[in-house]
Amino acid sequence: MMSNTRFVLFLMMTWHFGHSFLVAPQQPTTTRLFGMAQPETQIKTKTTVKTASKQKVEIKKTFKTDDPVQNRDDDFQDAPMYKVMLLRDDDYDQEHVVTRLCAILDDMDEDQAATVWKQAMAAGQAMCGKYPFERAELFKEQLLRSDPMIFCDLVEENA
């Protein structure tokens, strides 16, 4: 019983000081089985406790909320613009063309549509507006689907 108390005391001391330089004391034991002599064995236990107190500290750069982060270049190229050209056709009805141009093209009113129709009848074609390719193609398709059809063409602005 005394050796257990010493061992507990030893463990408490090593835990408190953080390292051990002593060997735990133990009594040699002999065990006899069936009347035969057993050799005496001693078991020595050595306990070492090392603590690492190094900590890696990372400093992160913080950004203020009012400072935007620049992740990409500001070198944007403008999309190529296409002219929607109304083509001349003698079968056109002025009222139908003007109403369809006003309904399909958002930025055109009745006076502008009438002027475009007159220019197309006089010169063979007239510009309805300049738009990016996808939007100009959409307007062209919508004018072709009207009943009766309104013919138009797309011309690249810088060509």
C-alpha atoms as a PDB file:
ATOM      1  CA  MET A   1       0.000   0.000   0.000  1.00  0.00           C
ATOM      2  CA  MET A   2       2.866   2.287   0.721  1.00  0.00           C
ATOM      3  CA  SER A   3       4.381   1.873  -2.732  1.00  0.00           C
ATOM      4  CA  ASN A   4       1.090   2.896  -4.432  1.00  0.00           C
ATOM      5  CA  THR A   5       1.019   6.110  -2.427  1.00  0.00           C
ATOM      6  CA  ARG A   6       4.591   6.903  -3.451  1.00  0.00           C
ATOM      7  CA  PHE A   7       3.761   6.253  -7.080  1.00  0.00           C
ATOM      8  CA  VAL A   8       0.716   8.552  -6.989  1.00  0.00           C
ATOM      9  CA  LEU A   9       2.792  11.212  -5.282  1.00  0.00           C
ATOM     10  CA  PHE A  10       5.463  10.767  -7.934  1.00  0.00           C
ATOM     11  CA  LEU A  11       2.885  11.193 -10.734  1.00  0.00           C
ATOM     12  CA  MET A  12       1.511  14.324  -9.115  1.00  0.00           C
ATOM     13  CA  MET A  13       4.985  15.832  -8.863  1.00  0.00           C
ATOM     14  CA  THR A  14       5.830  15.066 -12.485  1.00  0.00           C
ATOM     15  CA  TRP A  15       2.550  16.516 -13.685  1.00  0.00           C
ATOM     16  CA  HIS A  16       3.052  19.667 -11.625  1.00  0.00           C
ATOM     17  CA  PHE A  17       6.650  20.363 -12.757  1.00  0.00           C
ATOM     18  CA  GLY A  18       6.140  19.308 -16.399  1.00  0.00           C
ATOM     19  CA  HIS A  19       9.026  16.881 -16.662  1.00  0.00           C
ATOM     20  CA  SER A  20      10.322  13.812 -14.933  1.00  0.00           C
ATOM     21  CA  PHE A  21      13.823  12.908 -14.019  1.00  0.00           C
ATOM     22  CA  LEU A  22      13.010  10.250 -11.450  1.00  0.00           C
ATOM     23  CA  VAL A  23      12.151   6.617 -11.951  1.00  0.00           C
ATOM     24  CA  ALA A  24       8.977   5.323 -10.339  1.00  0.00           C
ATOM     25  CA  PRO A  25       9.857   3.127  -7.371  1.00  0.00           C
ATOM     26  CA  GLN A  26       8.473  -0.384  -7.366  1.00  0.00           C
ATOM     27  CA  GLN A  27       9.018  -3.370  -5.129  1.00  0.00           C
ATOM     28  CA  PRO A  28      10.340  -6.553  -6.727  1.00  0.00           C
ATOM     29  CA  THR A  29       7.628  -9.147  -6.799  1.00  0.00           C
ATOM     30  CA  THR A  30       7.829 -12.867  -6.670  1.00  0.00           C
ATOM     31  CA  THR A  31       5.031 -15.118  -7.662  1.00  0.00           C
ATOM     32  CA  ARG A  32       5.055 -18.836  -7.019  1.00  0.00           C
ATOM     33  CA  LEU A  33       2.951 -21.087  -9.116  1.00  0.00           C
ATOM     34  CA  PHE A  34       2.444 -24.748  -8.286  1.00  0.00           C
ATOM     35  CA  GLY A  35       5.399 -24.906  -5.953  1.00  0.00           C
ATOM     36  CA  MET A  36       7.950 -23.913  -8.581  1.00  0.00           C
ATOM     37  CA  ALA A  37      10.350 -21.073  -8.028  1.00  0.00           C
ATOM     38  CA  GLN A  38       9.944 -18.122 -10.382  1.00  0.00           C
ATOM     39  CA  PRO A  39      12.773 -15.710 -11.080  1.00  0.00           C
ATOM     40  CA  GLU A  40      12.389 -12.324  -9.550  1.00  0.00           C
ATOM     41  CA  THR A  41      11.670  -9.610 -12.093  1.00  0.00           C
ATOM     42  CA  GLN A  42      11.880  -5.913 -11.671  1.00  0.00           C
ATOM     43  CA  ILE A  43       9.881  -3.593 -13.874  1.00  0.00           C
ATOM     44  CA  LYS A  44      11.103  -0.046 -14.090  1.00  0.00           C
ATOM     45  CA  THR A  45       8.806   2.624 -15.440  1.00  0.00           C
ATOM     46  CA  LYS A  46      10.097   5.927 -16.625  1.00  0.00           C
ATOM     47  CA  THR A  47       7.611   8.693 -17.352  1.00  0.00           C
ATOM     48  CA  THR A  48       8.578  11.754 -19.330  1.00  0.00           C
ATOM     49  CA  VAL A  49       6.225  14.619 -20.023  1.00  0.00           C
ATOM     50  CA  LYS A  50       7.241  17.362 -22.404  1.00  0.00           C
ATOM     51  CA  THR A  51       5.057  20.283 -23.273  1.00  0.00           C
ATOM     52  CA  ALA A  52       5.407  22.264 -26.429  1.00  0.00           C
ATOM     53  CA  SER A  53       4.473  25.883 -26.009  1.00  0.00           C
ATOM     54  CA  LYS A  54       5.339  27.154 -29.473  1.00  0.00           C
ATOM     55  CA  GLN A  55       2.361  28.540 -31.296  1.00  0.00           C
ATOM     56  CA  LYS A  56       2.309  29.782 -34.824  1.00  0.00           C
ATOM     57  CA  VAL A  57       0.626  33.132 -35.118  1.00  0.00           C
ATOM     58  CA  GLU A  58      -0.707  34.171 -38.504  1.00  0.00           C
ATOM     59  CA  ILE A  59      -1.470  37.791 -39.177  1.00  0.00           C
ATOM     60  CA  LYS A  60      -4.102  38.287 -41.820  1.00  0.00           C
ATOM     61  CA  LYS A  61      -4.489  41.562 -43.619  1.00  0.00           C
ATOM     62  CA  THR A  62      -7.964  42.878 -43.066  1.00  0.00           C
ATOM     63  CA  PHE A  63      -9.816  45.080 -45.497  1.00  0.00           C
ATOM     64  CA  LYS A  64     -12.213  47.782 -44.561  1.00  0.00           C
ATOM     65  CA  THR A  65     -15.714  47.356 -45.883  1.00  0.00           C
ATOM     66  CA  ASP A  66     -15.558  50.627 -47.777  1.00  0.00           C
ATOM     67  CA  ASP A  67     -12.403  49.552 -49.699  1.00  0.00           C
ATOM     68  CA  PRO A  68     -13.354  47.368 -52.684  1.00  0.00           C
ATOM     69  CA  VAL A  69     -11.020  44.501 -53.546  1.00  0.00           C
ATOM     70  CA  GLN A  70      -9.679  44.634 -57.109  1.00  0.00           C
ATOM     71  CA  ASN A  71      -9.597  41.043 -58.395  1.00  0.00           C
ATOM     72  CA  ARG A  72      -9.714  41.634 -62.128  1.00  0.00           C
ATOM     73  CA  ASP A  73      -8.580  44.110 -64.695  1.00  0.00           C
ATOM     74  CA  ASP A  74     -10.814  46.959 -65.719  1.00  0.00           C
ATOM     75  CA  ASP A  75      -9.897  46.603 -69.398  1.00  0.00           C
ATOM     76  CA  PHE A  76     -13.311  45.830 -70.844  1.00  0.00           C
ATOM     77  CA  GLN A  77     -13.998  45.921 -74.536  1.00  0.00           C
ATOM     78  CA  ASP A  78     -17.290  47.213 -75.822  1.00  0.00           C
ATOM     79  CA  ALA A  79     -19.486  44.698 -77.586  1.00  0.00           C
ATOM     80  CA  PRO A  80     -19.609  45.199 -81.366  1.00  0.00           C
ATOM     81  CA  MET A  81     -22.729  47.075 -82.378  1.00  0.00           C
ATOM     82  CA  TYR A  82     -24.995  46.127 -85.295  1.00  0.00           C
ATOM     83  CA  LYS A  83     -27.406  48.333 -87.224  1.00  0.00           C
ATOM     84  CA  VAL A  84     -30.932  47.022 -87.776  1.00  0.00           C
ATOM     85  CA  MET A  85     -31.750  48.123 -91.330  1.00  0.00           C
ATOM     86  CA  LEU A  86     -35.354  48.213 -92.604  1.00  0.00           C
ATOM     87  CA  LEU A  87     -35.429  47.084 -96.258  1.00  0.00           C
ATOM     88  CA  ARG A  88     -37.727  48.532 -98.894  1.00  0.00           C
ATOM     89  CA  ASP A  89     -40.709  46.476-100.061  1.00  0.00           C
ATOM     90  CA  ASP A  90     -43.552  47.880-102.174  1.00  0.00           C
ATOM     91  CA  ASP A  91     -46.102  45.633-100.447  1.00  0.00           C
ATOM     92  CA  TYR A  92     -45.598  47.327 -97.067  1.00  0.00           C
ATOM     93  CA  ASP A  93     -48.512  49.083 -95.415  1.00  0.00           C
ATOM     94  CA  GLN A  94     -47.231  52.169 -93.593  1.00  0.00           C
ATOM     95  CA  GLU A  95     -49.562  51.764 -90.625  1.00  0.00           C
ATOM     96  CA  HIS A  96     -48.602  48.111 -90.091  1.00  0.00           C
ATOM     97  CA  VAL A  97     -44.835  48.806 -90.313  1.00  0.00           C
ATOM     98  CA  VAL A  98     -45.044  51.790 -87.918  1.00  0.00           C
ATOM     99  CA  THR A  99     -47.060  49.878 -85.274  1.00  0.00           C
ATOM    100  CA  ARG A 100     -44.783  46.810 -85.449  1.00  0.00           C
ATOM    101  CA  LEU A 101     -41.590  48.920 -85.225  1.00  0.00           C
ATOM    102  CA  CYS A 102     -42.979  50.733 -82.145  1.00  0.00           C
ATOM    103  CA  ALA A 103     -44.056  47.442 -80.532  1.00  0.00           C
ATOM    104  CA  ILE A 104     -40.752  45.589 -81.125  1.00  0.00           C
ATOM    105  CA  LEU A 105     -38.124  48.333 -80.800  1.00  0.00           C
ATOM    106  CA  ASP A 106     -38.332  49.786 -77.297  1.00  0.00           C
ATOM    107  CA  ASP A 107     -36.668  53.118 -78.036  1.00  0.00           C
ATOM    108  CA  MET A 108     -38.748  54.041 -81.105  1.00  0.00           C
ATOM    109  CA  ASP A 109     -41.931  56.139 -81.097  1.00  0.00           C
ATOM    110  CA  GLU A 110     -44.482  56.588 -83.905  1.00  0.00           C
ATOM    111  CA  ASP A 111     -42.848  59.714 -85.415  1.00  0.00           C
ATOM    112  CA  GLN A 112     -39.427  58.010 -85.624  1.00  0.00           C
ATOM    113  CA  ALA A 113     -40.989  54.842 -87.081  1.00  0.00           C
ATOM    114  CA  ALA A 114     -42.810  56.879 -89.774  1.00  0.00           C
ATOM    115  CA  THR A 115     -39.547  58.669 -90.654  1.00  0.00           C
ATOM    116  CA  VAL A 116     -37.678  55.312 -90.903  1.00  0.00           C
ATOM    117  CA  TRP A 117     -40.438  53.914 -93.175  1.00  0.00           C
ATOM    118  CA  LYS A 118     -40.269  56.957 -95.476  1.00  0.00           C
ATOM    119  CA  GLN A 119     -36.448  56.750 -95.680  1.00  0.00           C
ATOM    120  CA  ALA A 120     -36.618  53.034 -96.511  1.00  0.00           C
ATOM    121  CA  MET A 121     -39.160  53.659 -99.300  1.00  0.00           C
ATOM    122  CA  ALA A 122     -37.058  56.494-100.757  1.00  0.00           C
ATOM    123  CA  ALA A 123     -33.489  55.053-100.435  1.00  0.00           C
ATOM    124  CA  GLY A 124     -34.067  51.275-100.352  1.00  0.00           C
ATOM    125  CA  GLN A 125     -33.087  50.842 -96.685  1.00  0.00           C
ATOM    126  CA  ALA A 126     -33.108  52.844 -93.447  1.00  0.00           C
ATOM    127  CA  MET A 127     -31.471  52.375 -90.054  1.00  0.00           C
ATOM    128  CA  CYS A 128     -33.857  51.558 -87.176  1.00  0.00           C
ATOM    129  CA  GLY A 129     -31.178  51.563 -84.443  1.00  0.00           C
ATOM    130  CA  LYS A 130     -27.804  50.246 -83.194  1.00  0.00           C
ATOM    131  CA  TYR A 131     -27.760  47.289 -80.810  1.00  0.00           C
ATOM    132  CA  PRO A 132     -25.444  44.488 -79.622  1.00  0.00           C
ATOM    133  CA  PHE A 133     -25.563  41.431 -81.910  1.00  0.00           C
ATOM    134  CA  GLU A 134     -27.931  39.251 -79.852  1.00  0.00           C
ATOM    135  CA  ARG A 135     -30.475  42.015 -79.358  1.00  0.00           C
ATOM    136  CA  ALA A 136     -30.287  43.130 -83.014  1.00  0.00           C
ATOM    137  CA  GLU A 137     -30.811  39.524 -84.113  1.00  0.00           C
ATOM    138  CA  LEU A 138     -33.826  39.236 -81.812  1.00  0.00           C
ATOM    139  CA  PHE A 139     -35.406  42.376 -83.343  1.00  0.00           C
ATOM    140  CA  LYS A 140     -34.758  41.091 -86.859  1.00  0.00           C
ATOM    141  CA  GLU A 141     -36.412  37.736 -86.064  1.00  0.00           C
ATOM    142  CA  GLN A 142     -39.429  39.430 -84.471  1.00  0.00           C
ATOM    143  CA  LEU A 143     -39.927  41.688 -87.517  1.00  0.00           C
ATOM    144  CA  LEU A 144     -39.672  38.696 -89.875  1.00  0.00           C
ATOM    145  CA  ARG A 145     -42.334  36.828 -87.864  1.00  0.00           C
ATOM    146  CA  SER A 146     -44.891  39.622 -88.111  1.00  0.00           C
ATOM    147  CA  ASP A 147     -47.836  39.034 -90.425  1.00  0.00           C
ATOM    148  CA  PRO A 148     -47.246  40.326 -93.109  1.00  0.00           C
ATOM    149  CA  MET A 149     -43.451  40.027 -92.894  1.00  0.00           C
ATOM    150  CA  ILE A 150     -41.243  43.074 -92.455  1.00  0.00           C
ATOM    151  CA  PHE A 151     -37.836  42.528 -94.059  1.00  0.00           C
ATOM    152  CA  CYS A 152     -34.741  43.850 -92.372  1.00  0.00           C
ATOM    153  CA  ASP A 153     -31.018  43.186 -92.313  1.00  0.00           C
ATOM    154  CA  LEU A 154     -28.128  43.464 -89.832  1.00  0.00           C
ATOM    155  CA  VAL A 155     -25.014  45.468 -90.702  1.00  0.00           C
ATOM    156  CA  GLU A 156     -21.968  45.650 -88.441  1.00  0.00           C
ATOM    157  CA  GLU A 157     -21.363  49.247 -87.381  1.00  0.00           C
ATOM    158  CA  ASN A 158     -17.616  49.354 -88.112  1.00  0.00           C
ATOM    159  CA  ALA A 159     -17.725  47.268 -91.301  1.00  0.00           C
END
